[in-house]
C-alpha atoms as a PDB file:
ATOM      1  CA  MET A   1       5.942 -32.378  77.802  1.00  0.00           C
ATOM      2  CA  GLU A   2       3.298 -29.983  79.081  1.00  0.00           C
ATOM      3  CA  ILE A   3      -0.277 -29.463  77.917  1.00  0.00           C
ATOM      4  CA  LEU A   4      -1.491 -25.876  78.172  1.00  0.00           C
ATOM      5  CA  VAL A   5      -5.248 -25.208  78.036  1.00  0.00           C
ATOM      6  CA  PHE A   6      -6.851 -21.916  77.006  1.00  0.00           C
ATOM      7  CA  LYS A   7     -10.268 -20.321  76.689  1.00  0.00           C
ATOM      8  CA  THR A   8     -10.389 -18.575  73.276  1.00  0.00           C
ATOM      9  CA  ASN A   9     -12.533 -16.523  70.937  1.00  0.00           C
ATOM     10  CA  LEU A  10     -11.861 -18.913  68.033  1.00  0.00           C
ATOM     11  CA  GLN A  11     -15.419 -19.490  66.844  1.00  0.00           C
ATOM     12  CA  SER A  12     -15.126 -21.026  63.380  1.00  0.00           C
ATOM     13  CA  MET A  13     -12.875 -23.127  61.185  1.00  0.00           C
ATOM     14  CA  ARG A  14     -11.822 -19.940  59.426  1.00  0.00           C
ATOM     15  CA  CYS A  15     -10.558 -18.480  62.728  1.00  0.00           C
ATOM     16  CA  ILE A  16      -8.836 -21.754  63.576  1.00  0.00           C
ATOM     17  CA  ASN A  17      -7.106 -21.858  60.188  1.00  0.00           C
ATOM     18  CA  ASN A  18      -5.923 -18.247  60.552  1.00  0.00           C
ATOM     19  CA  ALA A  19      -4.600 -18.801  64.076  1.00  0.00           C
ATOM     20  CA  GLY A  20      -3.245 -22.182  63.021  1.00  0.00           C
ATOM     21  CA  ALA A  21      -0.820 -20.537  60.625  1.00  0.00           C
ATOM     22  CA  PHE A  22       0.839 -18.870  63.640  1.00  0.00           C
ATOM     23  CA  LEU A  23       0.674 -21.999  65.794  1.00  0.00           C
ATOM     24  CA  ASN A  24       2.068 -24.271  63.084  1.00  0.00           C
ATOM     25  CA  ALA A  25       4.947 -21.894  62.396  1.00  0.00           C
ATOM     26  CA  HIS A  26       6.164 -21.929  66.007  1.00  0.00           C
ATOM     27  CA  PRO A  27       8.949 -24.507  66.464  1.00  0.00           C
ATOM     28  CA  HIS A  28       8.154 -25.207  70.140  1.00  0.00           C
ATOM     29  CA  ILE A  29       4.496 -26.106  69.602  1.00  0.00           C
ATOM     30  CA  LEU A  30       4.401 -29.868  69.124  1.00  0.00           C
ATOM     31  CA  ARG A  31       0.637 -30.317  68.685  1.00  0.00           C
ATOM     32  CA  TRP A  32      -2.488 -28.254  69.147  1.00  0.00           C
ATOM     33  CA  ASN A  33      -6.257 -28.530  68.742  1.00  0.00           C
ATOM     34  CA  VAL A  34      -9.382 -26.478  69.317  1.00  0.00           C
ATOM     35  CA  ASP A  35     -12.678 -27.831  70.641  1.00  0.00           C
ATOM     36  CA  LEU A  36     -15.467 -25.763  69.070  1.00  0.00           C
ATOM     37  CA  GLN A  37     -18.072 -27.942  70.808  1.00  0.00           C
ATOM     38  CA  ASP A  38     -16.986 -26.517  74.175  1.00  0.00           C
ATOM     39  CA  ALA A  39     -18.600 -23.221  75.250  1.00  0.00           C
ATOM     40  CA  ASP A  40     -15.124 -21.723  75.807  1.00  0.00           C
ATOM     41  CA  ASN A  41     -13.696 -22.905  72.445  1.00  0.00           C
ATOM     42  CA  ILE A  42     -10.849 -24.653  74.250  1.00  0.00           C
ATOM     43  CA  LEU A  43      -7.363 -24.576  72.728  1.00  0.00           C
ATOM     44  CA  ARG A  44      -4.934 -27.277  73.874  1.00  0.00           C
ATOM     45  CA  ILE A  45      -1.223 -26.891  73.163  1.00  0.00           C
ATOM     46  CA  GLU A  46       1.459 -29.547  73.656  1.00  0.00           C
ATOM     47  CA  THR A  47       4.858 -27.955  74.259  1.00  0.00           C
ATOM     48  CA  GLU A  48       8.092 -28.499  76.127  1.00  0.00           C
ATOM     49  CA  GLN A  49       9.371 -24.923  76.277  1.00  0.00           C
ATOM     50  CA  LEU A  50       6.499 -22.427  76.229  1.00  0.00           C
ATOM     51  CA  CYS A  51       4.380 -20.964  79.005  1.00  0.00           C
ATOM     52  CA  GLY A  52       0.835 -19.629  78.944  1.00  0.00           C
ATOM     53  CA  SER A  53       1.824 -16.018  78.360  1.00  0.00           C
ATOM     54  CA  ASP A  54       3.858 -17.060  75.289  1.00  0.00           C
ATOM     55  CA  ILE A  55       0.730 -18.551  73.706  1.00  0.00           C
ATOM     56  CA  GLU A  56      -1.433 -15.603  74.740  1.00  0.00           C
ATOM     57  CA  ASN A  57       1.027 -13.230  73.041  1.00  0.00           C
ATOM     58  CA  LEU A  58       1.226 -15.401  69.921  1.00  0.00           C
ATOM     59  CA  LEU A  59      -2.559 -15.536  69.512  1.00  0.00           C
ATOM     60  CA  SER A  60      -2.788 -11.816  70.184  1.00  0.00           C
ATOM     61  CA  LYS A  61      -0.425 -11.185  67.264  1.00  0.00           C
ATOM     62  CA  ALA A  62      -2.728 -13.307  65.112  1.00  0.00           C
ATOM     63  CA  GLY A  63      -5.648 -11.102  66.184  1.00  0.00           C
ATOM     64  CA  TYR A  64      -7.300 -13.525  68.620  1.00  0.00           C
ATOM     65  CA  TYR A  65      -7.874 -13.709  72.355  1.00  0.00           C
ATOM     66  CA  CYS A  66      -6.966 -16.578  74.655  1.00  0.00           C
ATOM     67  CA  GLU A  67      -6.710 -16.933  78.414  1.00  0.00           C
ATOM     68  CA  GLU A  68      -4.909 -19.801  80.114  1.00  0.00           C
ATOM     69  CA  LEU A  69      -7.096 -21.992  82.303  1.00  0.00           C
ATOM     70  CA  GLN A  70      -5.697 -23.500  85.480  1.00  0.00           C
END
């Protein structure tokens, strides 16, 4: 299992719920969470088959920005 970490523009629970609909629907996302207390609104994704660009594209389709952190 791999944990991918992203900087996002998810700034409220409403944004998280909207993006969450896309994240929850993806069969290869095992778990995810967003830390709104962090300045970069960190999104953590647990997956076994996805890469950073897959998540960036998924969030983009939901109307949000994310950038994988190394």
